[in-house]
Amino acid sequence: MRSVRRAVHVFVALAMCAGAAAVPFRTLSAHEAPEPYGAPRFIKVAGGLSIDQAVEMVERRFNARVVRAEARDEGGRTIYVLRLLNDSGRVWTVRVDAASGSVM
């Protein structure tokens, strides 16, 4: 029984290696390359606010932590939708206009 299990493990390992070797390598462009862990994300709107700047602004203003952030295109405008969590457990959503930095 042990030898069968070992043979299955070896087969699976070899199949995984063969599958990985068959995947072609390609060079990522600058906008596809992942950022290193902890690196700042600068998604800047021309003359506006980056998503990281919006997160910092909202965290200070509402004394809460942003737990989710996303950028949306609404009618040709970039809007940051930020979900916040405060110390008492309250969760709410804030929308920030990326161009002006105003909280909507």
Protein backbone atom coordinates (compact mmCIF):
# COMPACT_ATOMS: atom_id res chain seq x y z
CA MET A 1 0.00 0.00 0.00
CA ARG A 2 2.85 2.35 0.84
CA SER A 3 4.59 1.70 -2.45
CA VAL A 4 1.40 2.49 -4.39
CA ARG A 5 0.94 5.74 -2.49
CA ARG A 6 4.59 6.66 -3.07
CA ALA A 7 4.26 5.88 -6.79
CA VAL A 8 1.19 8.12 -7.01
CA HIS A 9 3.02 10.96 -5.24
CA VAL A 10 6.01 10.64 -7.58
CA PHE A 11 3.72 10.56 -10.63
CA VAL A 12 1.84 13.67 -9.49
CA ALA A 13 5.08 15.51 -8.75
CA LEU A 14 6.51 14.65 -12.17
CA ALA A 15 3.27 15.63 -13.90
CA MET A 16 3.29 19.00 -12.13
CA CYS A 17 6.91 19.62 -13.12
CA ALA A 18 6.21 18.68 -16.73
CA GLY A 19 3.17 20.95 -16.80
CA ALA A 20 5.13 23.85 -15.36
CA ALA A 21 7.93 23.34 -17.89
CA ALA A 22 5.44 23.39 -20.75
CA VAL A 23 4.15 26.86 -19.85
CA PRO A 24 5.88 29.42 -22.07
CA PHE A 25 7.65 32.27 -20.34
CA ARG A 26 6.88 35.84 -21.29
CA THR A 27 8.17 39.17 -20.13
CA LEU A 28 5.70 41.33 -18.24
CA SER A 29 5.33 44.94 -19.26
CA ALA A 30 5.80 47.65 -16.64
CA HIS A 31 2.06 47.95 -15.88
CA GLU A 32 1.65 44.16 -15.52
CA ALA A 33 4.61 43.55 -13.22
CA PRO A 34 3.60 42.98 -9.61
CA GLU A 35 4.82 45.50 -7.09
CA PRO A 36 7.00 44.33 -4.22
CA TYR A 37 5.20 43.71 -0.94
CA GLY A 38 4.69 46.95 0.92
CA ALA A 39 5.45 49.14 -2.09
CA PRO A 40 3.14 52.13 -2.45
CA ARG A 41 0.47 51.91 -5.13
CA PHE A 42 0.31 55.14 -7.07
CA ILE A 43 -2.69 55.23 -9.34
CA LYS A 44 -2.77 58.90 -10.12
CA VAL A 45 -5.48 60.73 -11.97
CA ALA A 46 -4.18 63.71 -13.95
CA GLY A 47 -4.12 66.60 -11.49
CA GLY A 48 -5.96 64.51 -8.88
CA LEU A 49 -5.57 62.17 -5.97
CA SER A 50 -4.00 58.71 -5.97
CA ILE A 51 -5.96 55.90 -4.34
CA ASP A 52 -3.35 55.72 -1.56
CA GLN A 53 -3.72 59.43 -0.87
CA ALA A 54 -7.50 58.99 -0.74
CA VAL A 55 -7.14 56.10 1.72
CA GLU A 56 -4.85 58.13 4.00
CA MET A 57 -7.16 61.16 3.86
CA VAL A 58 -10.30 59.15 4.67
CA GLU A 59 -8.63 57.18 7.48
CA ARG A 60 -7.55 60.41 9.17
CA ARG A 61 -10.87 62.18 8.60
CA PHE A 62 -13.10 59.36 9.91
CA ASN A 63 -10.66 57.83 12.43
CA ALA A 64 -11.23 54.41 10.88
CA ARG A 65 -9.33 51.82 8.86
CA VAL A 66 -9.97 51.28 5.15
CA VAL A 67 -10.53 47.56 4.64
CA ARG A 68 -11.36 47.68 0.92
CA ALA A 69 -10.58 50.18 -1.80
CA GLU A 70 -11.43 50.18 -5.47
CA ALA A 71 -11.46 52.66 -8.33
CA ARG A 72 -14.53 52.92 -10.56
CA ASP A 73 -15.21 54.84 -13.74
CA GLU A 74 -18.56 56.56 -13.42
CA GLY A 75 -19.56 58.78 -16.31
CA GLY A 76 -15.98 59.47 -17.32
CA ARG A 77 -14.93 60.34 -13.75
CA THR A 78 -12.78 58.17 -11.52
CA ILE A 79 -14.41 57.52 -8.16
CA TYR A 80 -12.69 55.72 -5.30
CA VAL A 81 -15.05 53.54 -3.30
CA LEU A 82 -13.60 52.91 0.17
CA ARG A 83 -15.04 50.59 2.81
CA LEU A 84 -14.15 51.63 6.37
CA LEU A 85 -14.16 49.86 9.73
CA ASN A 86 -13.91 51.71 13.04
CA ASP A 87 -12.88 50.46 16.49
CA SER A 88 -16.48 49.80 17.56
CA GLY A 89 -17.02 47.50 14.56
CA ARG A 90 -19.10 49.85 12.42
CA VAL A 91 -18.62 49.37 8.67
CA TRP A 92 -19.58 51.93 6.05
CA THR A 93 -18.67 53.08 2.56
CA VAL A 94 -17.24 56.42 1.47
CA ARG A 95 -16.90 57.62 -2.12
CA VAL A 96 -14.11 60.02 -3.09
CA ASP A 97 -13.86 61.93 -6.36
CA ALA A 98 -10.33 61.21 -7.61
CA ALA A 99 -10.00 64.48 -9.52
CA SER A 100 -11.03 66.86 -6.73
CA GLY A 101 -10.47 64.76 -3.60
CA SER A 102 -13.93 65.60 -2.32
CA VAL A 103 -15.85 63.07 -0.25
CA MET A 104 -19.20 62.37 -1.83
